[in-house]
Amino acid sequence: MQLFTFGVNHQTAPLSVREQVVFHAENLVQALRDLVGRRPIQEAAIISTCNRTEVYCNTEEPRAAIDWLADYHRMKPQQLDQYLYRYTSNDAVKHAFRVASGLDSMVLGEPQILGQFKQAVRTAESAGTLGLVLNKLFQRTFSVAKSVRSETDIGASTISMASAAVSLAERIYPSISGQNILFVGAGEMIELCAAHFAARHPRNVTFANRTEARAQQLAERFVGRVASLNDLPTQLPLYDIVVSCTASPLPIIGKGVVESALKARKHRPMLMFDLAVPRDIEPEVGTLDDVFMYAVDDLGKIASEGLDVRRKAVAQAEVIIENQVTDFMHWLANRELVPTIRALRDSADRARRHEMERAQRRLAKGEDPQLVLEQLSHALTNKLLHGPTHALHHASPEEREALSATLARLYRLQAPE
């Protein structure tokens, strides 16, 4: 078995492809069980965010895992292959460390990915697909990410999707304080965006979510009100800025609804942020004259501006990661030797027990204990050394020198003077 990870992210695949392979939280446990249950995969974990979908597994057949991903999302493998990155062994370990440390994120050094990693591990544990190797990998991953964040400036000058959204809004409107804002959804991203926008004291904020209780919590925190998702068509004309990020598999705001809202607003412009993957707002909305619409990738480009301090920290982070990759691969290599070490010890223990039983029978017959012990030690020595000496005697001329050197190292033999 070997470590293998593959997937798509914001660098390798456009949003239109990423949204086809996203895993929704409510389906993830069953997906993991399906992957491990039907294919030659021993362990698996899946990270699925707006910027990436990655599968981590322990398998001897990487192609089977890739084919599973395509099949699960009703795609042909060749449709997906051109967008995939693939890493095995130490490259897979290095990739995990880099992703969790924020080095592979759309916004360099962003901290949210570490929380998403931890959630992926909890989900794999719930599904029963997290074994010894992946568990060890992810625990080390969390430790490496913590070291990178505490020992470098990778997290300096905090930049996020949320701050990028506020920055864009301030370019379009003279002041956010005069705007009405609608937040659709109530997850972590919406909460972050609400916090950033609330700091600019907008005129009104409203939260619409499938679970009204969660929307109410955010409304109380940010002094806003709650609206029903069913009322979006009638509510939409009231808002200048719309920020949407839900887990809906289909768009919840269509072009027709927005056209009606613009007509009711007498074509006063609307700023719309679609931070969901798959998208919450139909892409065609972006073609409307009075709509400024931005998706995840658009905000990522804006958020990546002015990252000089973080970029200088990348070299330090890479050194930490390289050292930790070497250490983890050493652990993995030693683990692969466990069956051989166990077999060696079992063989020696069988020889010990056999000779002990012989010695005990002779002692029971009244034989001289000194003589019995002497013969026990000789017999045990002969049995333990039979394998190495037999291999040495029967080695070919080409093998003999290397085997002799190996035995000298194993038994710490001194070269004859």
Protein backbone atom coordinates (compact mmCIF):
# COMPACT_ATOMS: atom_id res chain seq x y z
CA MET A 1 0.00 0.00 0.00
CA GLN A 2 1.09 3.59 -0.62
CA LEU A 3 -0.15 7.07 0.16
CA PHE A 4 -1.94 8.67 -2.76
CA THR A 5 -3.75 11.98 -3.09
CA PHE A 6 -5.41 13.55 -6.09
CA GLY A 7 -7.91 16.26 -6.83
CA VAL A 8 -8.72 19.57 -8.45
CA ASN A 9 -8.26 23.08 -7.12
CA HIS A 10 -8.51 26.72 -8.16
CA GLN A 11 -5.19 26.45 -10.02
CA THR A 12 -5.98 23.36 -12.10
CA ALA A 13 -9.71 23.58 -12.78
CA PRO A 14 -12.21 26.37 -13.49
CA LEU A 15 -15.19 26.89 -11.21
CA SER A 16 -17.48 25.15 -13.72
CA VAL A 17 -15.49 21.93 -13.21
CA ARG A 18 -14.92 22.28 -9.46
CA GLU A 19 -18.63 22.57 -8.78
CA GLN A 20 -19.23 19.25 -10.57
CA VAL A 21 -17.02 17.30 -8.14
CA VAL A 22 -17.95 18.98 -4.87
CA PHE A 23 -19.11 16.75 -1.99
CA HIS A 24 -21.93 18.01 0.20
CA ALA A 25 -21.48 17.44 3.93
CA GLU A 26 -24.59 15.29 4.28
CA ASN A 27 -23.35 12.84 1.61
CA LEU A 28 -19.68 12.67 2.56
CA VAL A 29 -19.80 9.78 5.07
CA GLN A 30 -21.61 7.51 2.60
CA ALA A 31 -19.26 8.54 -0.21
CA LEU A 32 -16.22 7.56 1.87
CA ARG A 33 -17.75 4.20 2.75
CA ASP A 34 -18.54 3.62 -0.90
CA LEU A 35 -14.95 4.41 -1.91
CA VAL A 36 -13.37 2.11 0.67
CA GLY A 37 -16.04 -0.58 0.42
CA ARG A 38 -16.15 -1.13 -3.33
CA ARG A 39 -12.58 -0.44 -4.40
CA PRO A 40 -9.09 -1.68 -3.43
CA ILE A 41 -8.68 1.27 -1.05
CA GLN A 42 -7.75 0.66 2.59
CA GLU A 43 -8.20 4.17 3.97
CA ALA A 44 -9.69 7.40 2.65
CA ALA A 45 -10.49 11.00 3.55
CA ILE A 46 -12.00 13.74 1.39
CA ILE A 47 -11.56 17.51 1.62
CA SER A 48 -14.19 19.44 -0.33
CA THR A 49 -14.24 23.24 -0.22
CA CYS A 50 -15.10 26.05 -2.60
CA ASN A 51 -11.51 26.02 -3.88
CA ARG A 52 -10.64 22.32 -3.94
CA THR A 53 -11.82 18.73 -3.83
CA GLU A 54 -9.10 16.30 -2.77
CA VAL A 55 -9.09 12.60 -1.98
CA TYR A 56 -6.43 11.16 0.34
CA CYS A 57 -6.13 7.39 0.40
CA ASN A 58 -3.93 4.39 1.12
CA THR A 59 -3.99 2.12 -1.91
CA GLU A 60 -1.98 0.10 -4.40
CA GLU A 61 -4.31 1.07 -7.27
CA PRO A 62 -4.48 4.89 -7.61
CA ARG A 63 -6.34 4.62 -10.91
CA ALA A 64 -9.24 2.87 -9.20
CA ALA A 65 -9.69 5.83 -6.83
CA ILE A 66 -9.66 8.32 -9.72
CA ASP A 67 -12.22 6.29 -11.66
CA TRP A 68 -14.39 6.16 -8.54
CA LEU A 69 -14.42 9.96 -8.26
CA ALA A 70 -15.49 10.35 -11.88
CA ASP A 71 -18.13 7.63 -11.56
CA TYR A 72 -19.50 9.05 -8.31
CA HIS A 73 -20.11 12.42 -9.94
CA ARG A 74 -21.41 10.85 -13.18
CA MET A 75 -18.46 12.04 -15.23
CA LYS A 76 -16.26 10.20 -17.69
CA PRO A 77 -12.67 9.75 -16.43
CA GLN A 78 -11.28 11.54 -19.48
CA GLN A 79 -13.42 14.58 -18.64
CA LEU A 80 -11.72 14.83 -15.27
CA ASP A 81 -8.16 13.67 -16.01
CA GLN A 82 -6.98 16.89 -17.63
CA TYR A 83 -7.76 18.88 -14.47
CA LEU A 84 -6.38 16.44 -11.87
CA TYR A 85 -3.14 16.63 -9.94
CA ARG A 86 -1.78 13.40 -8.47
CA TYR A 87 0.78 12.81 -5.72
CA THR A 88 2.17 9.59 -4.28
CA SER A 89 4.37 8.71 -1.31
CA ASN A 90 6.48 11.63 -0.04
CA ASP A 91 4.96 14.03 -2.60
CA ALA A 92 1.50 13.24 -1.18
CA VAL A 93 2.78 13.97 2.34
CA LYS A 94 4.36 17.24 1.22
CA HIS A 95 1.15 18.28 -0.54
CA ALA A 96 -0.92 17.69 2.61
CA PHE A 97 1.52 19.74 4.70
CA ARG A 98 1.51 22.61 2.17
CA VAL A 99 -2.27 22.70 1.84
CA ALA A 100 -2.91 22.72 5.60
CA SER A 101 -0.27 25.43 6.06
CA GLY A 102 -2.04 27.71 3.58
CA LEU A 103 0.75 27.58 0.96
CA ASP A 104 -1.55 26.13 -1.71
CA SER A 105 -4.57 28.34 -1.01
CA MET A 106 -6.09 30.92 -3.32
CA VAL A 107 -5.30 33.43 -0.58
CA LEU A 108 -1.77 32.64 0.57
CA GLY A 109 -1.63 31.79 4.27
CA GLU A 110 -5.39 31.83 4.90
CA PRO A 111 -6.26 29.92 8.08
CA GLN A 112 -9.68 28.48 7.16
CA ILE A 113 -8.20 25.50 5.30
CA LEU A 114 -6.80 24.02 8.53
CA GLY A 115 -10.28 23.93 10.05
CA GLN A 116 -11.58 22.30 6.86
CA PHE A 117 -8.81 19.69 7.12
CA LYS A 118 -9.81 18.90 10.69
CA GLN A 119 -13.46 18.57 9.69
CA ALA A 120 -12.45 16.15 6.91
CA VAL A 121 -10.64 14.00 9.47
CA ARG A 122 -13.65 13.98 11.80
CA THR A 123 -15.87 12.93 8.91
CA ALA A 124 -13.50 10.12 7.90
CA GLU A 125 -13.44 8.93 11.51
CA SER A 126 -17.26 8.88 11.55
CA ALA A 127 -17.27 6.91 8.30
CA GLY A 128 -14.73 4.42 9.68
CA THR A 129 -12.33 5.03 6.78
CA LEU A 130 -9.46 6.61 8.71
CA GLY A 131 -6.79 4.01 9.47
CA LEU A 132 -3.38 4.13 11.12
CA VAL A 133 -1.47 5.66 8.19
CA LEU A 134 -3.88 8.48 7.31
CA ASN A 135 -4.53 9.25 10.96
CA LYS A 136 -0.78 9.60 11.54
CA LEU A 137 -0.45 11.72 8.39
CA PHE A 138 -3.19 14.15 9.40
CA GLN A 139 -2.04 14.47 13.01
CA ARG A 140 1.43 15.33 11.71
CA THR A 141 -0.19 17.70 9.18
CA PHE A 142 -1.87 19.67 11.97
CA SER A 143 1.41 19.88 13.85
CA VAL A 144 3.29 21.13 10.77
CA ALA A 145 0.62 23.76 10.02
CA LYS A 146 0.87 25.01 13.60
CA SER A 147 4.66 25.25 13.35
CA VAL A 148 4.49 27.13 10.04
CA ARG A 149 1.98 29.62 11.44
CA SER A 150 3.87 30.20 14.69
CA GLU A 151 7.43 30.22 13.30
CA THR A 152 6.90 32.28 10.13
CA ASP A 153 4.97 35.37 9.01
CA ILE A 154 2.75 33.36 6.64
CA GLY A 155 -0.34 34.60 8.48
CA ALA A 156 0.71 38.25 8.65
CA SER A 157 -1.37 41.05 7.12
CA THR A 158 -4.61 39.08 7.25
CA ILE A 159 -6.32 38.94 3.87
CA SER A 160 -9.49 36.97 3.18
CA MET A 161 -12.36 36.53 0.78
CA ALA A 162 -14.49 38.52 3.19
CA SER A 163 -12.11 41.50 3.27
CA ALA A 164 -11.82 41.31 -0.53
CA ALA A 165 -15.62 41.54 -0.80
CA VAL A 166 -15.68 44.65 1.38
CA SER A 167 -12.85 46.16 -0.66
CA LEU A 168 -14.82 45.64 -3.88
CA ALA A 169 -17.98 47.08 -2.36
CA GLU A 170 -16.09 50.20 -1.34
CA ARG A 171 -14.92 50.65 -4.91
CA ILE A 172 -18.47 50.51 -6.25
CA TYR A 173 -20.40 52.43 -3.59
CA PRO A 174 -19.34 55.78 -2.05
CA SER A 175 -20.03 54.34 1.39
CA ILE A 176 -21.22 50.97 2.67
CA SER A 177 -22.95 52.77 5.52
CA GLY A 178 -25.71 53.75 3.11
CA GLN A 179 -26.35 50.28 1.74
CA ASN A 180 -28.76 47.44 2.56
CA ILE A 181 -27.08 44.03 2.63
CA LEU A 182 -28.63 40.57 2.31
CA PHE A 183 -26.65 37.50 3.46
CA VAL A 184 -27.96 34.20 2.07
CA GLY A 185 -26.71 31.25 4.13
CA ALA A 186 -25.38 31.07 7.67
CA GLY A 187 -22.11 29.15 7.50
CA GLU A 188 -18.55 30.17 8.37
CA MET A 189 -18.01 32.20 5.19
CA ILE A 190 -21.23 34.18 5.67
CA GLU A 191 -20.30 34.83 9.29
CA LEU A 192 -16.87 36.13 8.25
CA CYS A 193 -18.37 38.36 5.56
CA ALA A 194 -21.00 39.68 7.95
CA ALA A 195 -18.30 40.58 10.48
CA HIS A 196 -16.32 42.52 7.86
CA PHE A 197 -19.33 44.34 6.44
CA ALA A 198 -20.78 45.08 9.90
CA ALA A 199 -17.57 46.93 10.78
CA ARG A 200 -18.55 49.46 8.04
CA HIS A 201 -21.98 50.05 9.67
CA PRO A 202 -24.33 49.36 6.75
CA ARG A 203 -27.86 50.76 6.85
CA ASN A 204 -29.53 47.33 7.23
CA VAL A 205 -28.42 43.70 7.26
CA THR A 206 -30.66 40.69 6.74
CA PHE A 207 -29.96 36.95 6.98
CA ALA A 208 -31.84 34.32 5.00
CA ASN A 209 -31.10 30.67 5.67
CA ARG A 210 -32.74 27.26 5.39
CA THR A 211 -32.46 26.88 9.19
CA GLU A 212 -34.11 29.96 10.64
CA ALA A 213 -32.62 29.46 14.13
CA ARG A 214 -29.08 29.83 12.78
CA ALA A 215 -30.06 32.93 10.81
CA GLN A 216 -31.57 34.36 13.99
CA GLN A 217 -28.27 33.85 15.85
CA LEU A 218 -26.39 35.87 13.22
CA ALA A 219 -29.12 38.53 13.14
CA GLU A 220 -28.83 38.99 16.90
CA ARG A 221 -25.05 39.16 16.74
CA PHE A 222 -24.93 41.73 13.93
CA VAL A 223 -28.11 43.63 14.82
CA GLY A 224 -30.00 42.56 11.73
CA ARG A 225 -33.21 40.82 10.86
CA VAL A 226 -34.24 37.42 9.42
CA ALA A 227 -35.93 36.69 6.11
CA SER A 228 -37.21 33.42 4.66
CA LEU A 229 -35.55 31.84 1.65
CA ASN A 230 -39.03 31.46 0.17
CA ASP A 231 -39.41 35.24 0.23
CA LEU A 232 -36.24 35.95 -1.78
CA PRO A 233 -38.10 36.97 -4.97
CA THR A 234 -40.00 39.69 -3.12
CA GLN A 235 -37.15 40.64 -0.76
CA LEU A 236 -34.37 40.93 -3.34
CA PRO A 237 -35.30 44.42 -4.66
CA LEU A 238 -34.68 45.86 -1.17
CA TYR A 239 -30.95 45.10 -1.16
CA ASP A 240 -27.98 46.82 -2.75
CA ILE A 241 -25.47 44.10 -1.83
CA VAL A 242 -26.16 40.35 -1.81
CA VAL A 243 -23.66 37.84 -0.39
CA SER A 244 -24.62 34.20 -0.92
CA CYS A 245 -22.90 31.04 0.28
CA THR A 246 -25.07 27.98 0.90
CA ALA A 247 -24.65 24.24 0.42
CA SER A 248 -27.45 24.04 -2.14
CA PRO A 249 -26.66 21.68 -5.04
CA LEU A 250 -28.60 23.97 -7.42
CA PRO A 251 -28.74 27.77 -7.89
CA ILE A 252 -31.24 29.47 -5.58
CA ILE A 253 -31.17 32.88 -7.28
CA GLY A 254 -32.03 32.80 -10.98
CA LYS A 255 -31.65 35.33 -13.75
CA GLY A 256 -35.40 35.93 -13.94
CA VAL A 257 -35.66 36.76 -10.24
CA VAL A 258 -32.82 39.26 -10.50
CA GLU A 259 -34.31 40.86 -13.63
CA SER A 260 -37.56 41.39 -11.72
CA ALA A 261 -35.64 42.83 -8.75
CA LEU A 262 -33.79 45.29 -11.01
CA LYS A 263 -37.05 46.40 -12.57
CA ALA A 264 -38.54 47.01 -9.10
CA ARG A 265 -35.38 48.95 -8.15
CA LYS A 266 -35.75 51.09 -11.30
CA HIS A 267 -32.41 49.65 -12.42
CA ARG A 268 -30.39 50.92 -9.49
CA PRO A 269 -27.28 48.68 -9.56
CA MET A 270 -26.85 45.59 -7.39
CA LEU A 271 -23.58 44.11 -6.18
CA MET A 272 -23.71 40.31 -5.83
CA PHE A 273 -21.10 37.96 -4.35
CA ASP A 274 -21.55 34.24 -5.03
CA LEU A 275 -19.13 32.44 -2.71
CA ALA A 276 -20.73 29.01 -3.04
CA VAL A 277 -19.49 25.94 -4.91
CA PRO A 278 -21.69 24.82 -6.67
CA ARG A 279 -22.86 28.34 -7.40
CA ASP A 280 -25.91 29.83 -5.67
CA ILE A 281 -26.53 32.43 -8.37
CA GLU A 282 -27.05 31.49 -12.01
CA PRO A 283 -23.95 32.59 -14.01
CA GLU A 284 -26.21 34.35 -16.54
CA VAL A 285 -27.01 36.96 -13.87
CA GLY A 286 -23.56 38.37 -14.49
CA THR A 287 -24.60 39.36 -18.00
CA LEU A 288 -27.26 41.80 -16.76
CA ASP A 289 -26.38 45.48 -17.26
CA ASP A 290 -27.10 46.67 -13.73
CA VAL A 291 -25.47 43.82 -11.83
CA PHE A 292 -21.89 43.62 -10.62
CA MET A 293 -21.37 39.92 -9.86
CA TYR A 294 -18.27 38.26 -8.42
CA ALA A 295 -17.64 34.56 -7.79
CA VAL A 296 -15.07 32.78 -5.63
CA ASP A 297 -12.28 32.95 -8.21
CA ASP A 298 -12.80 36.68 -8.76
CA LEU A 299 -12.43 37.43 -5.04
CA GLY A 300 -9.42 35.14 -4.81
CA LYS A 301 -7.54 37.22 -7.36
CA ILE A 302 -8.33 40.42 -5.49
CA ALA A 303 -7.43 38.94 -2.12
CA SER A 304 -4.07 37.80 -3.46
CA GLU A 305 -2.91 41.37 -4.12
CA GLY A 306 -0.26 42.82 -1.81
CA LEU A 307 1.11 39.62 -0.28
CA ASP A 308 4.81 40.53 -0.09
CA VAL A 309 5.16 39.79 3.62
CA ARG A 310 3.59 36.38 3.27
CA ARG A 311 5.59 35.50 0.18
CA LYS A 312 8.83 36.13 2.06
CA ALA A 313 7.67 33.63 4.67
CA VAL A 314 7.08 30.88 2.10
CA ALA A 315 10.76 29.92 1.91
CA GLN A 316 10.88 29.45 5.70
CA ALA A 317 7.68 27.44 5.61
CA GLU A 318 9.01 25.19 2.85
CA VAL A 319 12.09 24.34 4.95
CA ILE A 320 9.89 23.34 7.90
CA ILE A 321 7.74 21.23 5.60
CA GLU A 322 10.68 19.47 3.91
CA ASN A 323 12.15 18.47 7.28
CA GLN A 324 8.80 17.14 8.46
CA VAL A 325 8.25 15.20 5.22
CA THR A 326 11.58 13.44 5.73
CA ASP A 327 10.67 12.61 9.30
CA PHE A 328 7.23 11.26 8.36
CA MET A 329 8.59 9.13 5.51
CA HIS A 330 11.12 7.65 7.95
CA TRP A 331 8.23 6.66 10.23
CA LEU A 332 6.35 5.20 7.26
CA ALA A 333 9.37 3.20 6.10
CA ASN A 334 9.91 1.81 9.58
CA ARG A 335 6.24 0.84 9.76
CA GLU A 336 6.63 -1.16 6.53
CA LEU A 337 9.41 -3.14 8.21
CA VAL A 338 7.15 -4.18 11.09
CA PRO A 339 6.01 -7.50 9.50
CA THR A 340 9.64 -8.49 8.81
CA ILE A 341 10.75 -7.57 12.32
CA ARG A 342 7.81 -9.44 13.81
CA ALA A 343 8.57 -12.54 11.72
CA LEU A 344 12.24 -12.39 12.74
CA ARG A 345 11.35 -12.17 16.41
CA ASP A 346 8.77 -14.95 16.10
CA SER A 347 11.37 -17.23 14.49
CA ALA A 348 13.90 -16.52 17.25
CA ASP A 349 11.26 -17.04 19.93
CA ARG A 350 10.24 -20.41 18.47
CA ALA A 351 13.86 -21.52 18.58
CA ARG A 352 14.16 -20.32 22.18
CA ARG A 353 11.02 -22.15 23.31
CA HIS A 354 12.08 -25.35 21.57
CA GLU A 355 15.48 -25.42 23.22
CA MET A 356 14.01 -24.46 26.59
CA GLU A 357 11.60 -27.39 26.44
CA ARG A 358 14.47 -29.76 25.60
CA ALA A 359 16.55 -28.41 28.44
CA GLN A 360 13.65 -28.73 30.93
CA ARG A 361 13.08 -32.38 29.93
CA ARG A 362 16.78 -33.18 30.48
CA LEU A 363 16.78 -31.41 33.84
CA ALA A 364 13.71 -33.41 34.83
CA LYS A 365 15.68 -36.61 34.11
CA GLY A 366 18.33 -35.48 36.58
CA GLU A 367 21.11 -34.53 34.14
CA ASP A 368 23.86 -32.15 35.26
CA PRO A 369 22.41 -28.58 35.13
CA GLN A 370 25.77 -27.11 34.12
CA LEU A 371 26.00 -29.45 31.15
CA VAL A 372 22.36 -28.82 30.18
CA LEU A 373 22.88 -25.05 30.21
CA GLU A 374 26.07 -25.38 28.18
CA GLN A 375 24.35 -27.45 25.52
CA LEU A 376 21.29 -25.13 25.57
CA SER A 377 23.46 -22.12 24.79
CA HIS A 378 25.30 -23.96 21.98
CA ALA A 379 22.08 -25.24 20.39
CA LEU A 380 20.40 -21.82 20.56
CA THR A 381 23.46 -20.11 19.07
CA ASN A 382 23.57 -22.62 16.21
CA LYS A 383 19.87 -22.15 15.44
CA LEU A 384 20.02 -18.36 15.47
CA LEU A 385 23.11 -18.25 13.26
CA HIS A 386 22.10 -21.01 10.87
CA GLY A 387 20.19 -18.67 8.52
CA PRO A 388 22.92 -16.03 8.11
CA THR A 389 25.77 -18.57 7.73
CA HIS A 390 23.77 -20.69 5.27
CA ALA A 391 23.02 -17.59 3.16
CA LEU A 392 26.70 -16.57 3.24
CA HIS A 393 27.93 -20.04 2.20
CA HIS A 394 25.47 -20.26 -0.68
CA ALA A 395 25.81 -16.68 -1.93
CA SER A 396 27.05 -16.09 -5.47
CA PRO A 397 30.41 -14.33 -5.88
CA GLU A 398 28.55 -11.14 -6.82
CA GLU A 399 26.40 -11.27 -3.68
CA ARG A 400 29.03 -12.39 -1.20
CA GLU A 401 30.78 -9.06 -0.59
CA ALA A 402 27.55 -7.11 -0.04
CA LEU A 403 26.08 -9.86 2.16
CA SER A 404 29.26 -10.06 4.21
CA ALA A 405 29.19 -6.29 4.77
CA THR A 406 25.51 -6.43 5.76
CA LEU A 407 26.13 -9.22 8.30
CA ALA A 408 29.09 -7.32 9.73
CA ARG A 409 26.82 -4.27 10.19
CA LEU A 410 23.94 -6.30 11.67
CA TYR A 411 26.11 -8.14 14.19
CA ARG A 412 28.58 -5.27 14.73
CA LEU A 413 31.52 -7.40 13.73
CA GLN A 414 35.03 -6.05 13.87
CA ALA A 415 37.13 -6.53 10.71
CA PRO A 416 39.97 -9.03 11.33
CA GLU A 417 43.40 -7.46 11.75
